[in-house]
Amino acid sequence: MKAQTKFLIGGGLILATVGYLMASGIKETGVYYLTPSELAAKVRTDHSFYDVGMKMGARVVKGSIQRDVASQTITFRVTDGVQSYPVVYRGLAPDTFTDEVDVVVEGRLQPDGTFRATTLLAKCGSRYEASPTQGGPRV
């Protein structure tokens, strides 16, 4: 067998192995990112979607936050304006976590319809907006 043939076979095996490892790594670490409406549609079509790890982006419903300081448990509702879900999170919430803030929760939807979050991220868009000018624009 020629050296060039051996080189091509070896290169092909290496490429196939790297491709397999990349595909399996993406499959294992890939996470769904859904809105509440998209999640509701997925659950309606696929009942095995419960207990699947995912991230959900939504807005906290005003007045829904309840904190249990003793167990460090926070319960609240999130919505995208169409669909809403109750969320249970155990841990410390970010300082920016308040009513009507956009959040990303990572966790699993339970069969009872509650989203059990393991990670809670609160977005803070106001920090990056231009401050309004006093008295209108200057000419």
N, C-alpha and C. Protein backbone atom coordinates (compact mmCIF):
# COMPACT_ATOMS: atom_id res chain seq x y z
N MET A 1 0.84 -1.17 0.00
CA MET A 1 0.00 0.00 0.00
C MET A 1 0.90 1.24 0.00
N LYS A 2 0.54 2.22 -0.81
CA LYS A 2 1.33 3.44 -0.93
C LYS A 2 1.17 4.31 0.31
N ALA A 3 2.16 5.14 0.54
CA ALA A 3 2.12 6.05 1.69
C ALA A 3 0.99 7.06 1.56
N GLN A 4 0.72 7.49 0.32
CA GLN A 4 -0.35 8.46 0.10
C GLN A 4 -1.71 7.87 0.46
N THR A 5 -1.92 6.62 0.13
CA THR A 5 -3.18 5.94 0.45
C THR A 5 -3.34 5.81 1.95
N LYS A 6 -2.27 5.43 2.65
CA LYS A 6 -2.32 5.32 4.11
C LYS A 6 -2.64 6.68 4.74
N PHE A 7 -2.03 7.73 4.19
CA PHE A 7 -2.27 9.07 4.70
C PHE A 7 -3.73 9.48 4.51
N LEU A 8 -4.30 9.19 3.36
CA LEU A 8 -5.71 9.53 3.09
C LEU A 8 -6.66 8.74 3.99
N ILE A 9 -6.38 7.46 4.19
CA ILE A 9 -7.22 6.64 5.08
C ILE A 9 -7.13 7.16 6.51
N GLY A 10 -5.93 7.46 6.97
CA GLY A 10 -5.75 7.98 8.32
C GLY A 10 -6.43 9.32 8.50
N GLY A 11 -6.31 10.21 7.51
CA GLY A 11 -6.97 11.51 7.56
C GLY A 11 -8.48 11.38 7.58
N GLY A 12 -9.00 10.43 6.79
CA GLY A 12 -10.45 10.18 6.76
C GLY A 12 -10.96 9.68 8.10
N LEU A 13 -10.21 8.78 8.74
CA LEU A 13 -10.60 8.28 10.06
C LEU A 13 -10.58 9.39 11.11
N ILE A 14 -9.59 10.24 11.03
CA ILE A 14 -9.51 11.35 11.99
C ILE A 14 -10.68 12.31 11.79
N LEU A 15 -10.99 12.64 10.55
CA LEU A 15 -12.13 13.52 10.27
C LEU A 15 -13.45 12.91 10.73
N ALA A 16 -13.63 11.62 10.48
CA ALA A 16 -14.86 10.95 10.90
C ALA A 16 -14.99 10.95 12.42
N THR A 17 -13.89 10.71 13.13
CA THR A 17 -13.91 10.70 14.59
C THR A 17 -14.23 12.09 15.15
N VAL A 18 -13.59 13.11 14.61
CA VAL A 18 -13.84 14.48 15.07
C VAL A 18 -15.29 14.88 14.78
N GLY A 19 -15.80 14.53 13.63
CA GLY A 19 -17.19 14.82 13.30
C GLY A 19 -18.16 14.14 14.25
N TYR A 20 -17.89 12.88 14.57
CA TYR A 20 -18.75 12.16 15.51
C TYR A 20 -18.72 12.81 16.89
N LEU A 21 -17.54 13.16 17.36
CA LEU A 21 -17.42 13.78 18.68
C LEU A 21 -18.12 15.13 18.73
N MET A 22 -18.02 15.91 17.66
CA MET A 22 -18.72 17.20 17.62
C MET A 22 -20.22 17.01 17.63
N ALA A 23 -20.72 16.09 16.83
CA ALA A 23 -22.17 15.86 16.77
C ALA A 23 -22.72 15.35 18.10
N SER A 24 -22.02 14.42 18.73
CA SER A 24 -22.51 13.88 20.00
C SER A 24 -22.40 14.93 21.10
N GLY A 25 -21.38 15.78 21.08
CA GLY A 25 -21.25 16.84 22.08
C GLY A 25 -22.35 17.87 21.96
N ILE A 26 -22.69 18.25 20.74
CA ILE A 26 -23.77 19.21 20.53
C ILE A 26 -25.10 18.62 20.98
N LYS A 27 -25.31 17.35 20.69
CA LYS A 27 -26.57 16.71 21.06
C LYS A 27 -26.72 16.64 22.58
N GLU A 28 -25.63 16.36 23.29
CA GLU A 28 -25.69 16.22 24.74
C GLU A 28 -25.82 17.55 25.45
N THR A 29 -25.20 18.60 24.92
CA THR A 29 -25.20 19.87 25.62
C THR A 29 -26.20 20.88 25.05
N GLY A 30 -26.82 20.57 23.94
CA GLY A 30 -27.79 21.47 23.34
C GLY A 30 -29.02 21.61 24.23
N VAL A 31 -29.53 22.82 24.35
CA VAL A 31 -30.68 23.10 25.20
C VAL A 31 -31.70 23.89 24.39
N TYR A 32 -32.97 23.52 24.51
CA TYR A 32 -34.04 24.29 23.86
C TYR A 32 -34.13 25.67 24.50
N TYR A 33 -34.43 26.69 23.71
CA TYR A 33 -34.72 28.02 24.22
C TYR A 33 -36.08 28.40 23.65
N LEU A 34 -37.07 28.50 24.52
CA LEU A 34 -38.46 28.68 24.09
C LEU A 34 -39.13 29.82 24.83
N THR A 35 -40.19 30.34 24.24
CA THR A 35 -41.09 31.26 24.94
C THR A 35 -42.21 30.41 25.54
N PRO A 36 -43.00 30.94 26.46
CA PRO A 36 -44.11 30.15 27.01
C PRO A 36 -45.08 29.63 25.94
N SER A 37 -45.37 30.42 24.92
CA SER A 37 -46.28 29.96 23.85
C SER A 37 -45.67 28.81 23.07
N GLU A 38 -44.36 28.91 22.76
CA GLU A 38 -43.69 27.82 22.05
C GLU A 38 -43.65 26.56 22.90
N LEU A 39 -43.42 26.72 24.19
CA LEU A 39 -43.40 25.57 25.09
C LEU A 39 -44.77 24.90 25.15
N ALA A 40 -45.83 25.69 25.23
CA ALA A 40 -47.20 25.13 25.26
C ALA A 40 -47.49 24.35 23.98
N ALA A 41 -47.05 24.88 22.84
CA ALA A 41 -47.26 24.18 21.57
C ALA A 41 -46.49 22.87 21.53
N LYS A 42 -45.25 22.88 22.03
CA LYS A 42 -44.45 21.64 22.07
C LYS A 42 -45.11 20.59 22.93
N VAL A 43 -45.61 21.01 24.10
CA VAL A 43 -46.22 20.06 25.04
C VAL A 43 -47.51 19.49 24.46
N ARG A 44 -48.28 20.32 23.74
CA ARG A 44 -49.51 19.82 23.12
C ARG A 44 -49.23 18.73 22.08
N THR A 45 -48.15 18.90 21.34
CA THR A 45 -47.84 17.94 20.28
C THR A 45 -47.01 16.76 20.76
N ASP A 46 -46.24 16.94 21.85
CA ASP A 46 -45.35 15.88 22.33
C ASP A 46 -45.41 15.82 23.85
N HIS A 47 -46.19 14.88 24.38
CA HIS A 47 -46.36 14.77 25.83
C HIS A 47 -45.11 14.28 26.54
N SER A 48 -44.13 13.78 25.80
CA SER A 48 -42.88 13.35 26.43
C SER A 48 -41.93 14.52 26.63
N PHE A 49 -42.39 15.74 26.37
CA PHE A 49 -41.55 16.93 26.49
C PHE A 49 -41.38 17.38 27.94
N TYR A 50 -42.15 16.79 28.84
CA TYR A 50 -41.98 17.09 30.26
C TYR A 50 -40.64 16.54 30.73
N ASP A 51 -40.06 17.19 31.71
CA ASP A 51 -38.78 16.79 32.30
C ASP A 51 -37.62 16.84 31.32
N VAL A 52 -37.73 17.65 30.28
CA VAL A 52 -36.64 17.87 29.34
C VAL A 52 -35.99 19.20 29.70
N GLY A 53 -34.68 19.22 29.81
CA GLY A 53 -33.97 20.45 30.14
C GLY A 53 -34.14 21.49 29.06
N MET A 54 -34.43 22.73 29.47
CA MET A 54 -34.65 23.81 28.50
C MET A 54 -34.46 25.16 29.18
N LYS A 55 -34.40 26.19 28.35
CA LYS A 55 -34.41 27.57 28.83
C LYS A 55 -35.68 28.22 28.31
N MET A 56 -36.29 29.04 29.16
CA MET A 56 -37.50 29.75 28.75
C MET A 56 -37.30 31.24 29.00
N GLY A 57 -37.55 32.03 27.98
CA GLY A 57 -37.45 33.47 28.10
C GLY A 57 -38.84 34.08 28.16
N ALA A 58 -39.09 34.91 29.17
CA ALA A 58 -40.41 35.51 29.34
C ALA A 58 -40.30 36.72 30.27
N ARG A 59 -41.46 37.27 30.62
CA ARG A 59 -41.53 38.42 31.52
C ARG A 59 -42.25 38.01 32.79
N VAL A 60 -41.78 38.49 33.93
CA VAL A 60 -42.40 38.18 35.21
C VAL A 60 -43.73 38.92 35.31
N VAL A 61 -44.78 38.20 35.69
CA VAL A 61 -46.11 38.79 35.85
C VAL A 61 -46.11 39.66 37.10
N LYS A 62 -46.62 40.88 36.95
CA LYS A 62 -46.63 41.85 38.05
C LYS A 62 -47.43 41.30 39.24
N GLY A 63 -46.84 41.39 40.43
CA GLY A 63 -47.49 40.98 41.66
C GLY A 63 -47.48 39.48 41.93
N SER A 64 -46.76 38.70 41.11
CA SER A 64 -46.78 37.25 41.28
C SER A 64 -45.60 36.70 42.09
N ILE A 65 -44.64 37.54 42.43
CA ILE A 65 -43.44 37.06 43.13
C ILE A 65 -43.75 36.80 44.59
N GLN A 66 -43.46 35.58 45.04
CA GLN A 66 -43.60 35.21 46.46
C GLN A 66 -42.28 34.60 46.90
N ARG A 67 -41.74 35.10 48.01
CA ARG A 67 -40.44 34.62 48.50
C ARG A 67 -40.62 33.93 49.84
N ASP A 68 -39.98 32.78 49.99
CA ASP A 68 -39.90 32.08 51.26
C ASP A 68 -38.45 32.15 51.70
N VAL A 69 -38.15 33.06 52.60
CA VAL A 69 -36.77 33.32 53.00
C VAL A 69 -36.15 32.11 53.68
N ALA A 70 -36.93 31.38 54.47
CA ALA A 70 -36.39 30.24 55.22
C ALA A 70 -35.84 29.16 54.29
N SER A 71 -36.54 28.87 53.22
CA SER A 71 -36.09 27.82 52.30
C SER A 71 -35.43 28.38 51.04
N GLN A 72 -35.30 29.70 50.96
CA GLN A 72 -34.74 30.39 49.79
C GLN A 72 -35.46 29.97 48.50
N THR A 73 -36.79 29.86 48.59
CA THR A 73 -37.59 29.48 47.44
C THR A 73 -38.38 30.69 46.95
N ILE A 74 -38.34 30.89 45.65
CA ILE A 74 -39.08 31.99 45.02
C ILE A 74 -40.06 31.38 44.04
N THR A 75 -41.32 31.76 44.15
CA THR A 75 -42.33 31.33 43.19
C THR A 75 -42.87 32.57 42.49
N PHE A 76 -43.09 32.45 41.20
CA PHE A 76 -43.61 33.56 40.41
C PHE A 76 -44.18 33.01 39.11
N ARG A 77 -44.85 33.86 38.37
CA ARG A 77 -45.39 33.48 37.06
C ARG A 77 -44.65 34.25 35.98
N VAL A 78 -44.46 33.59 34.84
CA VAL A 78 -43.88 34.25 33.68
C VAL A 78 -44.86 34.17 32.53
N THR A 79 -44.78 35.15 31.63
CA THR A 79 -45.68 35.19 30.49
C THR A 79 -44.98 35.81 29.29
N ASP A 80 -45.51 35.50 28.13
CA ASP A 80 -45.08 36.18 26.91
C ASP A 80 -46.23 37.01 26.35
N GLY A 81 -47.27 37.18 27.16
CA GLY A 81 -48.45 37.93 26.74
C GLY A 81 -49.59 37.05 26.27
N VAL A 82 -49.28 35.79 25.96
CA VAL A 82 -50.29 34.85 25.48
C VAL A 82 -50.43 33.68 26.45
N GLN A 83 -49.34 33.07 26.80
CA GLN A 83 -49.31 31.89 27.67
C GLN A 83 -48.50 32.23 28.91
N SER A 84 -48.85 31.64 30.05
CA SER A 84 -48.06 31.87 31.26
C SER A 84 -47.84 30.55 31.98
N TYR A 85 -46.77 30.51 32.77
CA TYR A 85 -46.41 29.33 33.55
C TYR A 85 -45.98 29.75 34.94
N PRO A 86 -46.34 28.96 35.96
CA PRO A 86 -45.78 29.20 37.29
C PRO A 86 -44.35 28.65 37.33
N VAL A 87 -43.47 29.37 38.00
CA VAL A 87 -42.07 28.98 38.11
C VAL A 87 -41.70 28.86 39.58
N VAL A 88 -40.96 27.82 39.92
CA VAL A 88 -40.43 27.64 41.27
C VAL A 88 -38.91 27.61 41.15
N TYR A 89 -38.25 28.49 41.89
CA TYR A 89 -36.79 28.58 41.85
C TYR A 89 -36.28 28.55 43.28
N ARG A 90 -35.26 27.74 43.53
CA ARG A 90 -34.66 27.68 44.86
C ARG A 90 -33.23 28.18 44.76
N GLY A 91 -32.97 29.27 45.46
CA GLY A 91 -31.66 29.88 45.43
C GLY A 91 -31.78 31.38 45.58
N LEU A 92 -30.66 32.06 45.39
CA LEU A 92 -30.66 33.51 45.51
C LEU A 92 -30.96 34.13 44.15
N ALA A 93 -31.87 35.08 44.15
CA ALA A 93 -32.25 35.75 42.90
C ALA A 93 -31.29 36.90 42.63
N PRO A 94 -31.11 37.24 41.36
CA PRO A 94 -30.27 38.40 41.03
C PRO A 94 -30.88 39.69 41.58
N ASP A 95 -30.06 40.70 41.78
CA ASP A 95 -30.54 41.99 42.30
C ASP A 95 -31.55 42.63 41.37
N THR A 96 -31.46 42.37 40.10
CA THR A 96 -32.34 42.99 39.12
C THR A 96 -33.67 42.26 38.96
N PHE A 97 -33.90 41.20 39.73
CA PHE A 97 -35.12 40.42 39.64
C PHE A 97 -36.25 41.14 40.36
N THR A 98 -37.21 41.68 39.59
CA THR A 98 -38.37 42.38 40.14
C THR A 98 -39.58 42.08 39.26
N ASP A 99 -40.72 42.68 39.61
CA ASP A 99 -41.92 42.55 38.78
C ASP A 99 -41.66 43.10 37.38
N GLU A 100 -42.27 42.46 36.41
CA GLU A 100 -42.26 42.88 35.00
C GLU A 100 -40.87 42.98 34.38
N VAL A 101 -39.90 42.25 34.92
CA VAL A 101 -38.57 42.21 34.31
C VAL A 101 -38.49 41.00 33.39
N ASP A 102 -37.73 41.11 32.32
CA ASP A 102 -37.51 39.96 31.43
C ASP A 102 -36.54 39.01 32.10
N VAL A 103 -36.88 37.73 32.09
CA VAL A 103 -36.04 36.72 32.71
C VAL A 103 -35.79 35.56 31.74
N VAL A 104 -34.72 34.84 32.01
CA VAL A 104 -34.46 33.57 31.36
C VAL A 104 -34.32 32.56 32.49
N VAL A 105 -35.18 31.55 32.48
CA VAL A 105 -35.12 30.50 33.49
C VAL A 105 -34.71 29.20 32.81
N GLU A 106 -33.81 28.48 33.46
CA GLU A 106 -33.36 27.19 32.94
C GLU A 106 -33.82 26.12 33.90
N GLY A 107 -34.43 25.07 33.36
CA GLY A 107 -34.92 24.00 34.21
C GLY A 107 -35.76 23.02 33.42
N ARG A 108 -36.79 22.48 34.09
CA ARG A 108 -37.64 21.46 33.48
C ARG A 108 -39.10 21.72 33.79
N LEU A 109 -39.95 21.51 32.80
CA LEU A 109 -41.39 21.61 32.99
C LEU A 109 -41.89 20.30 33.60
N GLN A 110 -42.63 20.42 34.69
CA GLN A 110 -43.16 19.26 35.38
C GLN A 110 -44.53 18.89 34.80
N PRO A 111 -44.96 17.63 34.98
CA PRO A 111 -46.27 17.23 34.46
C PRO A 111 -47.45 18.03 35.03
N ASP A 112 -47.27 18.63 36.21
CA ASP A 112 -48.35 19.45 36.78
C ASP A 112 -48.39 20.86 36.19
N GLY A 113 -47.50 21.17 35.25
CA GLY A 113 -47.50 22.47 34.59
C GLY A 113 -46.59 23.50 35.23
N THR A 114 -45.89 23.13 36.29
CA THR A 114 -44.97 24.03 36.97
C THR A 114 -43.58 23.89 36.36
N PHE A 115 -42.93 25.02 36.14
CA PHE A 115 -41.57 25.01 35.63
C PHE A 115 -40.63 25.09 36.82
N ARG A 116 -39.83 24.05 37.03
CA ARG A 116 -38.85 24.01 38.13
C ARG A 116 -37.52 24.53 37.59
N ALA A 117 -37.16 25.72 38.03
CA ALA A 117 -35.96 26.37 37.51
C ALA A 117 -34.75 26.04 38.37
N THR A 118 -33.63 25.79 37.70
CA THR A 118 -32.36 25.60 38.40
C THR A 118 -31.48 26.83 38.25
N THR A 119 -31.76 27.65 37.26
CA THR A 119 -31.01 28.89 37.02
C THR A 119 -32.01 30.00 36.72
N LEU A 120 -31.76 31.17 37.30
CA LEU A 120 -32.62 32.34 37.08
C LEU A 120 -31.73 33.51 36.69
N LEU A 121 -31.97 34.03 35.49
CA LEU A 121 -31.23 35.20 35.00
C LEU A 121 -32.22 36.31 34.72
N ALA A 122 -31.95 37.49 35.25
CA ALA A 122 -32.82 38.64 35.02
C ALA A 122 -32.12 39.60 34.07
N LYS A 123 -32.82 39.98 33.03
CA LYS A 123 -32.26 40.92 32.06
C LYS A 123 -32.40 42.33 32.61
N CYS A 124 -31.48 43.17 32.25
CA CYS A 124 -31.52 44.56 32.69
C CYS A 124 -31.25 45.46 31.51
N GLY A 125 -32.26 45.67 30.67
CA GLY A 125 -32.10 46.48 29.48
C GLY A 125 -31.95 47.95 29.78
N SER A 126 -32.45 48.43 30.93
CA SER A 126 -32.41 49.86 31.21
C SER A 126 -30.99 50.38 31.39
N ARG A 127 -30.06 49.53 31.75
CA ARG A 127 -28.68 49.97 31.92
C ARG A 127 -28.05 50.38 30.59
N TYR A 128 -28.54 49.85 29.51
CA TYR A 128 -27.91 50.06 28.22
C TYR A 128 -28.70 50.99 27.31
N GLU A 129 -29.76 51.59 27.83
CA GLU A 129 -30.54 52.53 27.04
C GLU A 129 -29.99 53.93 27.24
N ALA A 130 -30.10 54.75 26.23
CA ALA A 130 -29.67 56.14 26.35
C ALA A 130 -30.59 56.86 27.33
N SER A 131 -30.02 57.71 28.15
CA SER A 131 -30.85 58.43 29.11
C SER A 131 -31.62 59.53 28.38
N PRO A 132 -32.87 59.77 28.79
CA PRO A 132 -33.67 60.81 28.12
C PRO A 132 -33.09 62.19 28.43
N THR A 133 -33.21 63.10 27.47
CA THR A 133 -32.69 64.45 27.67
C THR A 133 -33.76 65.31 28.34
N GLN A 134 -33.31 66.28 29.12
CA GLN A 134 -34.22 67.19 29.82
C GLN A 134 -34.71 68.26 28.84
N GLY A 135 -35.98 68.53 28.77
CA GLY A 135 -36.50 69.62 27.97
C GLY A 135 -36.54 69.36 26.47
N GLY A 136 -36.38 68.16 26.05
CA GLY A 136 -36.47 67.84 24.63
C GLY A 136 -35.13 68.01 23.94
N PRO A 137 -35.10 67.80 22.63
CA PRO A 137 -33.84 67.87 21.90
C PRO A 137 -33.39 69.32 21.73
N ARG A 138 -32.07 69.49 21.69
CA ARG A 138 -31.49 70.82 21.49
C ARG A 138 -31.14 70.99 20.03
N VAL A 139 -31.30 72.19 19.57
CA VAL A 139 -31.01 72.48 18.17
C VAL A 139 -29.76 73.31 18.07
